[in-house]
Amino acid sequence: MPKATVLTSEALVPSLAKPAAATPPRGVRENTPPAEPIQPLQLRLPRSKIKAIKVAAAEGEKTISDLMLACFEAYMKATKHA
């Protein structure tokens, strides 16, 4: 059985330690603050394409968002939109 803790003002202050498994909220990057807010985008794709995208992202050591953004930027460059 654990020991009883004396109730002092310091014991009643909540701990502000960040759990090791905590992840940043959606749209927040830890090391690189975005120039503009990041918003979610949802796509509906066939299961086979989703699996291929996940495999490509993992092989390139990127997130799916980073891979899709790189694909979009390559498309814009190839079609001379940028």
N, C-alpha and C. Protein backbone atom coordinates (compact mmCIF):
# COMPACT_ATOMS: atom_id res chain seq x y z
N MET A 1 0.84 -1.17 0.00
CA MET A 1 0.00 0.00 0.00
C MET A 1 0.89 1.25 0.00
N PRO A 2 0.55 2.26 -0.85
CA PRO A 2 1.39 3.45 -0.91
C PRO A 2 1.32 4.26 0.38
N LYS A 3 2.38 5.04 0.59
CA LYS A 3 2.44 5.89 1.77
C LYS A 3 1.47 7.05 1.61
N ALA A 4 0.97 7.52 2.70
CA ALA A 4 0.09 8.69 2.69
C ALA A 4 0.93 9.93 2.44
N THR A 5 0.39 10.86 1.67
CA THR A 5 1.07 12.12 1.38
C THR A 5 0.50 13.21 2.26
N VAL A 6 1.38 13.98 2.84
CA VAL A 6 0.93 15.11 3.65
C VAL A 6 0.39 16.18 2.71
N LEU A 7 -0.79 16.66 2.99
CA LEU A 7 -1.42 17.67 2.13
C LEU A 7 -0.87 19.05 2.46
N THR A 8 0.08 19.47 1.65
CA THR A 8 0.63 20.82 1.78
C THR A 8 0.25 21.59 0.53
N SER A 9 0.53 22.87 0.52
CA SER A 9 0.20 23.68 -0.66
C SER A 9 0.99 23.21 -1.88
N GLU A 10 2.23 22.73 -1.69
CA GLU A 10 3.03 22.24 -2.82
C GLU A 10 2.49 20.92 -3.35
N ALA A 11 1.96 20.08 -2.46
CA ALA A 11 1.44 18.78 -2.89
C ALA A 11 0.15 18.94 -3.68
N LEU A 12 -0.55 20.05 -3.50
CA LEU A 12 -1.81 20.27 -4.19
C LEU A 12 -1.67 20.95 -5.54
N VAL A 13 -0.45 21.39 -5.90
CA VAL A 13 -0.21 22.02 -7.19
C VAL A 13 -0.09 20.92 -8.24
N PRO A 14 -0.87 21.00 -9.33
CA PRO A 14 -0.80 19.93 -10.34
C PRO A 14 0.56 19.91 -11.04
N SER A 15 0.96 18.74 -11.44
CA SER A 15 2.22 18.56 -12.15
C SER A 15 2.06 19.06 -13.58
N LEU A 16 3.05 19.76 -14.09
CA LEU A 16 3.01 20.29 -15.46
C LEU A 16 3.88 19.48 -16.41
N ALA A 17 4.32 18.31 -15.97
CA ALA A 17 5.17 17.47 -16.82
C ALA A 17 4.37 16.96 -18.02
N LYS A 18 5.00 17.00 -19.19
CA LYS A 18 4.38 16.53 -20.42
C LYS A 18 4.61 15.02 -20.52
N PRO A 19 3.55 14.24 -20.70
CA PRO A 19 3.75 12.79 -20.82
C PRO A 19 4.63 12.46 -22.03
N ALA A 20 5.40 11.40 -21.92
CA ALA A 20 6.32 11.02 -22.99
C ALA A 20 5.59 10.65 -24.27
N ALA A 21 4.36 10.16 -24.16
CA ALA A 21 3.62 9.72 -25.34
C ALA A 21 2.76 10.82 -25.94
N ALA A 22 2.80 12.00 -25.37
CA ALA A 22 1.95 13.08 -25.87
C ALA A 22 2.39 13.51 -27.27
N THR A 23 1.43 13.81 -28.09
CA THR A 23 1.72 14.29 -29.44
C THR A 23 1.16 15.70 -29.58
N PRO A 24 1.75 16.49 -30.46
CA PRO A 24 1.22 17.84 -30.64
C PRO A 24 -0.16 17.80 -31.26
N PRO A 25 -0.97 18.82 -31.02
CA PRO A 25 -2.30 18.85 -31.64
C PRO A 25 -2.20 18.91 -33.15
N ARG A 26 -3.27 18.54 -33.83
CA ARG A 26 -3.28 18.57 -35.29
C ARG A 26 -2.93 19.95 -35.80
N GLY A 27 -2.13 19.97 -36.85
CA GLY A 27 -1.77 21.23 -37.47
C GLY A 27 -0.62 21.94 -36.80
N VAL A 28 -0.02 21.35 -35.78
CA VAL A 28 1.10 21.99 -35.08
C VAL A 28 2.35 21.16 -35.32
N ARG A 29 3.36 21.78 -35.85
CA ARG A 29 4.65 21.12 -36.05
C ARG A 29 5.57 21.58 -34.93
N GLU A 30 6.31 20.65 -34.33
CA GLU A 30 7.12 21.00 -33.18
C GLU A 30 8.32 21.88 -33.52
N ASN A 31 9.09 21.52 -34.54
CA ASN A 31 10.36 22.20 -34.80
C ASN A 31 10.26 23.34 -35.80
N THR A 32 9.26 23.35 -36.63
CA THR A 32 9.16 24.37 -37.66
C THR A 32 7.80 25.06 -37.60
N PRO A 33 7.75 26.24 -37.01
CA PRO A 33 6.46 26.93 -36.97
C PRO A 33 6.02 27.32 -38.38
N PRO A 34 4.79 27.03 -38.75
CA PRO A 34 4.35 27.34 -40.11
C PRO A 34 4.15 28.84 -40.32
N ALA A 35 4.32 29.26 -41.56
CA ALA A 35 4.12 30.66 -41.90
C ALA A 35 2.64 31.00 -41.83
N GLU A 36 1.79 30.02 -42.04
CA GLU A 36 0.35 30.22 -41.96
C GLU A 36 -0.26 29.01 -41.28
N PRO A 37 -1.46 29.14 -40.74
CA PRO A 37 -2.07 28.00 -40.03
C PRO A 37 -2.26 26.79 -40.94
N ILE A 38 -2.11 25.61 -40.37
CA ILE A 38 -2.29 24.36 -41.11
C ILE A 38 -3.68 23.84 -40.80
N GLN A 39 -4.40 23.43 -41.84
CA GLN A 39 -5.74 22.90 -41.67
C GLN A 39 -5.81 21.50 -42.26
N PRO A 40 -6.69 20.66 -41.72
CA PRO A 40 -6.80 19.30 -42.25
C PRO A 40 -7.47 19.27 -43.62
N LEU A 41 -7.13 18.26 -44.41
CA LEU A 41 -7.74 18.03 -45.72
C LEU A 41 -8.04 16.54 -45.80
N GLN A 42 -9.26 16.20 -46.15
CA GLN A 42 -9.65 14.80 -46.20
C GLN A 42 -9.80 14.36 -47.65
N LEU A 43 -9.26 13.19 -47.96
CA LEU A 43 -9.35 12.61 -49.30
C LEU A 43 -10.06 11.27 -49.22
N ARG A 44 -10.79 10.93 -50.25
CA ARG A 44 -11.42 9.62 -50.34
C ARG A 44 -10.77 8.90 -51.52
N LEU A 45 -10.01 7.85 -51.21
CA LEU A 45 -9.26 7.13 -52.23
C LEU A 45 -9.51 5.64 -52.09
N PRO A 46 -9.27 4.88 -53.17
CA PRO A 46 -9.37 3.42 -53.06
C PRO A 46 -8.33 2.89 -52.06
N ARG A 47 -8.67 1.80 -51.41
CA ARG A 47 -7.81 1.22 -50.39
C ARG A 47 -6.41 0.92 -50.92
N SER A 48 -6.32 0.46 -52.16
CA SER A 48 -5.01 0.13 -52.74
C SER A 48 -4.13 1.36 -52.87
N LYS A 49 -4.73 2.49 -53.23
CA LYS A 49 -3.94 3.73 -53.36
C LYS A 49 -3.49 4.23 -51.98
N ILE A 50 -4.36 4.09 -50.98
CA ILE A 50 -4.00 4.52 -49.63
C ILE A 50 -2.80 3.72 -49.14
N LYS A 51 -2.84 2.41 -49.36
CA LYS A 51 -1.72 1.57 -48.94
C LYS A 51 -0.43 1.97 -49.66
N ALA A 52 -0.52 2.25 -50.95
CA ALA A 52 0.67 2.66 -51.72
C ALA A 52 1.22 3.99 -51.21
N ILE A 53 0.34 4.92 -50.85
CA ILE A 53 0.77 6.22 -50.32
C ILE A 53 1.48 6.03 -48.98
N LYS A 54 0.91 5.19 -48.11
CA LYS A 54 1.52 4.95 -46.80
C LYS A 54 2.89 4.29 -46.95
N VAL A 55 3.01 3.33 -47.88
CA VAL A 55 4.29 2.66 -48.10
C VAL A 55 5.32 3.65 -48.64
N ALA A 56 4.91 4.49 -49.60
CA ALA A 56 5.84 5.48 -50.17
C ALA A 56 6.30 6.47 -49.11
N ALA A 57 5.39 6.90 -48.25
CA ALA A 57 5.77 7.83 -47.17
C ALA A 57 6.74 7.17 -46.21
N ALA A 58 6.47 5.94 -45.83
CA ALA A 58 7.35 5.23 -44.90
C ALA A 58 8.73 5.00 -45.51
N GLU A 59 8.77 4.62 -46.79
CA GLU A 59 10.05 4.38 -47.45
C GLU A 59 10.87 5.67 -47.55
N GLY A 60 10.20 6.79 -47.73
CA GLY A 60 10.89 8.07 -47.81
C GLY A 60 11.10 8.73 -46.46
N GLU A 61 10.72 8.04 -45.39
CA GLU A 61 10.83 8.56 -44.02
C GLU A 61 10.16 9.92 -43.89
N LYS A 62 8.95 10.02 -44.46
CA LYS A 62 8.16 11.25 -44.41
C LYS A 62 6.80 10.93 -43.82
N THR A 63 6.11 11.97 -43.40
CA THR A 63 4.71 11.79 -43.02
C THR A 63 3.89 11.77 -44.30
N ILE A 64 2.67 11.27 -44.19
CA ILE A 64 1.79 11.25 -45.36
C ILE A 64 1.53 12.69 -45.81
N SER A 65 1.35 13.60 -44.86
CA SER A 65 1.11 15.01 -45.21
C SER A 65 2.29 15.60 -45.97
N ASP A 66 3.51 15.32 -45.51
CA ASP A 66 4.69 15.85 -46.20
C ASP A 66 4.82 15.26 -47.60
N LEU A 67 4.53 13.96 -47.74
CA LEU A 67 4.60 13.32 -49.06
C LEU A 67 3.57 13.93 -50.00
N MET A 68 2.34 14.08 -49.53
CA MET A 68 1.28 14.63 -50.38
C MET A 68 1.58 16.09 -50.76
N LEU A 69 2.15 16.86 -49.84
CA LEU A 69 2.52 18.23 -50.15
C LEU A 69 3.63 18.27 -51.20
N ALA A 70 4.61 17.36 -51.09
CA ALA A 70 5.68 17.29 -52.08
C ALA A 70 5.11 16.91 -53.45
N CYS A 71 4.15 15.99 -53.46
CA CYS A 71 3.52 15.60 -54.73
C CYS A 71 2.78 16.78 -55.35
N PHE A 72 2.06 17.52 -54.52
CA PHE A 72 1.33 18.68 -55.02
C PHE A 72 2.29 19.72 -55.59
N GLU A 73 3.37 19.99 -54.86
CA GLU A 73 4.35 20.97 -55.33
C GLU A 73 5.00 20.52 -56.63
N ALA A 74 5.28 19.23 -56.78
CA ALA A 74 5.85 18.71 -58.02
C ALA A 74 4.86 18.87 -59.17
N TYR A 75 3.59 18.62 -58.90
CA TYR A 75 2.55 18.80 -59.92
C TYR A 75 2.46 20.25 -60.35
N MET A 76 2.46 21.16 -59.39
CA MET A 76 2.37 22.59 -59.72
C MET A 76 3.57 23.04 -60.54
N LYS A 77 4.75 22.53 -60.20
CA LYS A 77 5.95 22.89 -60.96
C LYS A 77 5.90 22.30 -62.37
N ALA A 78 5.46 21.05 -62.48
CA ALA A 78 5.41 20.38 -63.78
C ALA A 78 4.38 21.02 -64.72
N THR A 79 3.31 21.53 -64.16
CA THR A 79 2.26 22.14 -64.98
C THR A 79 2.44 23.67 -65.07
N LYS A 80 3.56 24.17 -64.53
CA LYS A 80 3.92 25.58 -64.60
C LYS A 80 2.89 26.50 -63.94
N HIS A 81 2.28 26.04 -62.85
CA HIS A 81 1.37 26.87 -62.08
C HIS A 81 2.07 27.72 -61.04
N ALA A 82 3.28 27.33 -60.67
CA ALA A 82 3.96 28.01 -59.57
C ALA A 82 4.83 29.14 -60.05
